[in-house]
Protein backbone atom coordinates (compact mmCIF):
# COMPACT_ATOMS: atom_id res chain seq x y z
CA MET A 1 279.63 72.19 -153.99
CA SER A 2 281.04 75.07 -155.97
CA ASP A 3 284.00 77.26 -156.63
CA PHE A 4 282.17 80.57 -156.31
CA ARG A 5 284.36 83.62 -156.67
CA LEU A 6 283.90 86.62 -154.48
CA GLU A 7 284.29 88.92 -157.50
CA GLY A 8 282.37 92.15 -157.34
CA GLU A 9 282.24 92.02 -153.55
CA VAL A 10 283.60 94.41 -150.99
CA ARG A 11 284.59 92.79 -147.72
CA ILE A 12 283.87 94.75 -144.58
CA PRO A 13 284.97 93.78 -141.09
CA ALA A 14 282.32 92.40 -138.75
CA VAL A 15 282.79 95.52 -136.63
CA ALA A 16 281.39 97.56 -139.55
CA LEU A 17 278.26 95.41 -139.65
CA HIS A 18 277.95 95.82 -135.87
CA ALA A 19 278.17 99.59 -136.38
CA LEU A 20 275.39 99.46 -139.01
CA VAL A 21 273.16 97.47 -136.66
CA ALA A 22 273.89 99.90 -133.82
CA ALA A 23 272.97 102.78 -136.16
CA ALA A 24 269.74 100.96 -136.99
CA ASP A 25 269.02 100.63 -133.25
CA ARG A 26 269.54 104.38 -132.77
CA GLY A 27 267.95 105.52 -136.02
CA GLY A 28 264.72 103.58 -135.83
CA GLU A 29 262.83 101.90 -138.62
CA PRO A 30 264.10 104.01 -141.57
CA VAL A 31 267.71 103.08 -140.81
CA ALA A 32 266.79 99.47 -139.98
CA ALA A 33 264.97 99.27 -143.34
CA ALA A 34 268.12 100.42 -145.13
CA VAL A 35 270.24 97.81 -143.32
CA ARG A 36 267.57 95.18 -144.08
CA GLU A 37 267.66 96.16 -147.78
CA ALA A 38 271.45 95.69 -147.83
CA GLY A 39 270.92 92.20 -146.43
CA ARG A 40 268.20 91.50 -149.01
CA ALA A 41 270.48 92.52 -151.89
CA THR A 42 273.22 90.28 -150.47
CA GLY A 43 270.83 87.31 -150.22
CA GLU A 44 269.58 87.81 -153.77
CA ASP A 45 273.15 87.94 -155.05
CA ILE A 46 274.11 84.75 -153.22
CA THR A 47 271.09 82.94 -154.69
CA ARG A 48 272.02 84.28 -158.15
CA ARG A 49 275.57 82.96 -157.73
CA ILE A 50 274.24 79.53 -156.75
CA THR A 51 271.97 79.43 -159.82
CA LEU A 52 274.97 80.11 -162.07
CA VAL A 53 276.14 76.62 -161.09
CA VAL A 54 272.86 74.71 -160.66
CA SER A 55 269.20 75.39 -161.35
CA MET A 56 266.92 75.84 -158.34
CA SER A 57 264.69 73.11 -159.75
CA GLU A 58 267.61 70.67 -159.45
CA LEU A 59 268.15 71.36 -155.75
CA ASP A 60 266.25 69.63 -152.99
CA THR A 61 265.91 71.41 -149.65
CA ASN A 62 269.09 69.91 -148.16
CA ASP A 63 271.17 70.75 -151.24
CA PHE A 64 269.80 74.30 -151.28
CA TRP A 65 270.73 74.92 -147.64
CA SER A 66 274.13 73.27 -148.13
CA ALA A 67 274.85 75.64 -151.01
CA VAL A 68 273.55 78.63 -149.05
CA ASN A 69 275.58 77.71 -145.97
CA ALA A 70 278.74 77.30 -148.09
CA GLU A 71 278.22 80.79 -149.49
CA THR A 72 277.15 82.55 -146.31
CA GLY A 73 279.78 80.76 -144.24
CA ALA A 74 282.53 81.84 -146.66
CA ARG A 75 281.40 85.43 -146.19
CA GLY A 76 281.11 85.29 -142.39
CA LEU A 77 277.33 85.67 -142.60
CA GLY A 78 276.51 82.61 -140.53
CA THR A 79 274.80 79.33 -141.28
CA PHE A 80 271.12 78.50 -141.47
CA GLN A 81 269.03 75.59 -140.27
CA TRP A 82 265.29 74.99 -140.66
CA ALA A 83 263.96 74.34 -137.18
CA SER A 84 260.23 73.74 -137.41
CA ALA A 85 256.94 75.13 -138.62
CA ILE A 86 255.01 77.42 -136.30
CA GLY A 87 251.41 78.14 -137.21
CA GLY A 88 252.05 77.45 -140.89
CA HIS A 89 255.15 79.66 -141.00
CA ALA A 90 258.65 78.26 -141.32
CA GLU A 91 261.18 78.87 -138.59
CA LEU A 92 264.83 79.32 -139.41
CA VAL A 93 267.68 79.37 -136.89
CA VAL A 94 270.84 81.33 -137.73
CA PHE A 95 274.20 80.51 -136.17
CA GLY A 96 277.22 82.81 -136.28
CA ALA A 97 275.81 85.80 -138.18
CA ALA A 98 277.45 89.00 -136.95
CA ASP A 99 274.26 90.98 -136.31
CA ALA A 100 272.45 87.90 -135.00
CA GLU A 101 275.31 87.36 -132.54
CA ASP A 102 274.64 90.91 -131.30
CA VAL A 103 271.16 89.66 -130.42
CA VAL A 104 272.54 86.68 -128.52
CA ARG A 105 274.86 88.95 -126.50
CA SER A 106 272.22 91.63 -125.90
CA PRO A 107 271.28 91.94 -122.21
CA THR A 108 267.57 92.18 -123.10
CA GLY A 109 267.69 89.62 -125.90
CA HIS A 110 265.37 91.78 -128.00
CA ARG A 111 267.86 93.56 -130.22
CA ALA A 112 266.95 93.25 -133.90
CA ALA A 113 269.10 91.66 -136.59
CA PRO A 114 267.93 93.64 -139.64
CA PHE A 115 270.76 92.62 -141.97
CA THR A 116 270.11 88.93 -141.36
CA GLU A 117 266.33 89.45 -141.76
CA GLY A 118 267.01 91.01 -145.16
CA LEU A 119 269.54 88.31 -146.05
CA ILE A 120 266.93 85.60 -145.42
CA GLU A 121 264.32 87.54 -147.43
CA GLY A 122 266.74 87.89 -150.34
CA LEU A 123 267.88 84.26 -150.29
CA LEU A 124 264.40 82.78 -150.12
CA GLY A 125 262.65 85.41 -152.22
CA ALA A 126 265.09 84.94 -155.09
CA ALA A 127 264.85 81.15 -154.80
CA ALA A 128 261.03 81.19 -154.71
CA GLU A 129 260.78 84.03 -157.25
CA GLU A 130 258.22 85.75 -155.03
CA PRO A 131 258.40 88.04 -152.01
CA VAL A 132 259.29 86.43 -148.70
CA ALA A 133 259.52 88.11 -145.30
CA ALA A 134 261.56 87.21 -142.25
CA VAL A 135 260.96 88.45 -138.71
CA GLN A 136 263.29 87.83 -135.81
CA ALA A 137 261.56 85.78 -133.14
CA PRO A 138 262.06 86.41 -129.42
CA PRO A 139 264.86 84.35 -127.84
CA ASP A 140 263.84 80.91 -126.62
CA GLY A 141 266.96 80.14 -124.60
CA GLY A 142 268.42 77.90 -127.31
CA GLU A 143 271.46 78.42 -129.48
CA GLY A 144 271.31 80.68 -132.49
CA VAL A 145 268.77 83.33 -133.35
CA ARG A 146 265.32 82.32 -134.58
CA PHE A 147 263.46 83.89 -137.49
CA VAL A 148 259.91 83.26 -138.67
CA VAL A 149 259.58 83.17 -142.46
CA GLY A 150 256.39 83.67 -144.44
CA SER A 151 254.43 86.07 -146.62
CA PRO A 152 255.22 89.79 -146.26
CA THR A 153 251.57 90.65 -145.51
CA ALA A 154 251.21 88.15 -142.68
CA LEU A 155 254.60 88.86 -141.16
CA ARG A 156 254.05 92.63 -141.14
CA HIS A 157 251.36 91.98 -138.51
CA VAL A 158 253.61 89.53 -136.64
CA ARG A 159 256.44 92.11 -136.55
CA LEU A 160 254.11 94.78 -135.11
CA ARG A 161 252.78 92.39 -132.46
CA LEU A 162 256.29 91.29 -131.47
CA GLN A 163 257.42 94.93 -131.26
CA ALA A 164 254.47 95.55 -128.92
CA GLY A 165 255.78 92.79 -126.64
CA ALA A 166 253.52 89.87 -127.59
CA PRO A 167 255.01 86.37 -127.24
CA LEU A 168 255.68 84.62 -130.55
CA GLU A 169 252.75 82.21 -130.37
CA GLN A 170 250.35 85.09 -129.66
CA ALA A 171 251.89 87.21 -132.43
CA LEU A 172 251.23 84.36 -134.88
CA GLU A 173 247.57 83.88 -133.86
CA GLY A 174 245.07 84.55 -136.62
CA ILE A 175 247.70 84.85 -139.32
C-alpha cells in the first residue's frame, strides 16, 4: 500500500522488548505503564505515517487494518485481526508480537503484554481522534493473544476485574 520509510526510528532486537516486558513484570504497574506508553507512542506514530499517504476518512476497516499490518509487520510488531464483539467491546487478536508471544509461551498464560496494549491504544486512538483503551484478555486456547478494546473508563474496571482473576465474560458484565 505504501513505501513508508523507517526514518526517525531506532530498531531494537526483540530480546530488548522481552527485557522491557520482564522488567514490567518485576516492577509492577509503574513500569508496565511506562512500557505501555512506549507502545502507545509507537502506535500513534504508525497511524500518523499512514495518514501521510491516505486520509483516515478514505480508508474502510479492511484497508485500515491492511495498512496497519503492513507497518507493524515491517517492524516485527505482529499483525492484527478483529475477532468479534464481546458485550459491546471490540476484540482484537494479535499474532506474532514479541511481548504477546511471551504471553503465549508463559506457563500460566496470564503474563501481560503492556507494549502491545499501548500499541493498540495508540493506533486506534490516533485513528479515532479520541482515547481508546486495550486490555489483554485471558487466553482462550486459540492462536494469538486477545485484547478487548473500548473506552478507557470502562476498560479500567475490566482490567481490575481480570487482575483479580475474574473470567472475561464476568469482567465485562455491567460495563
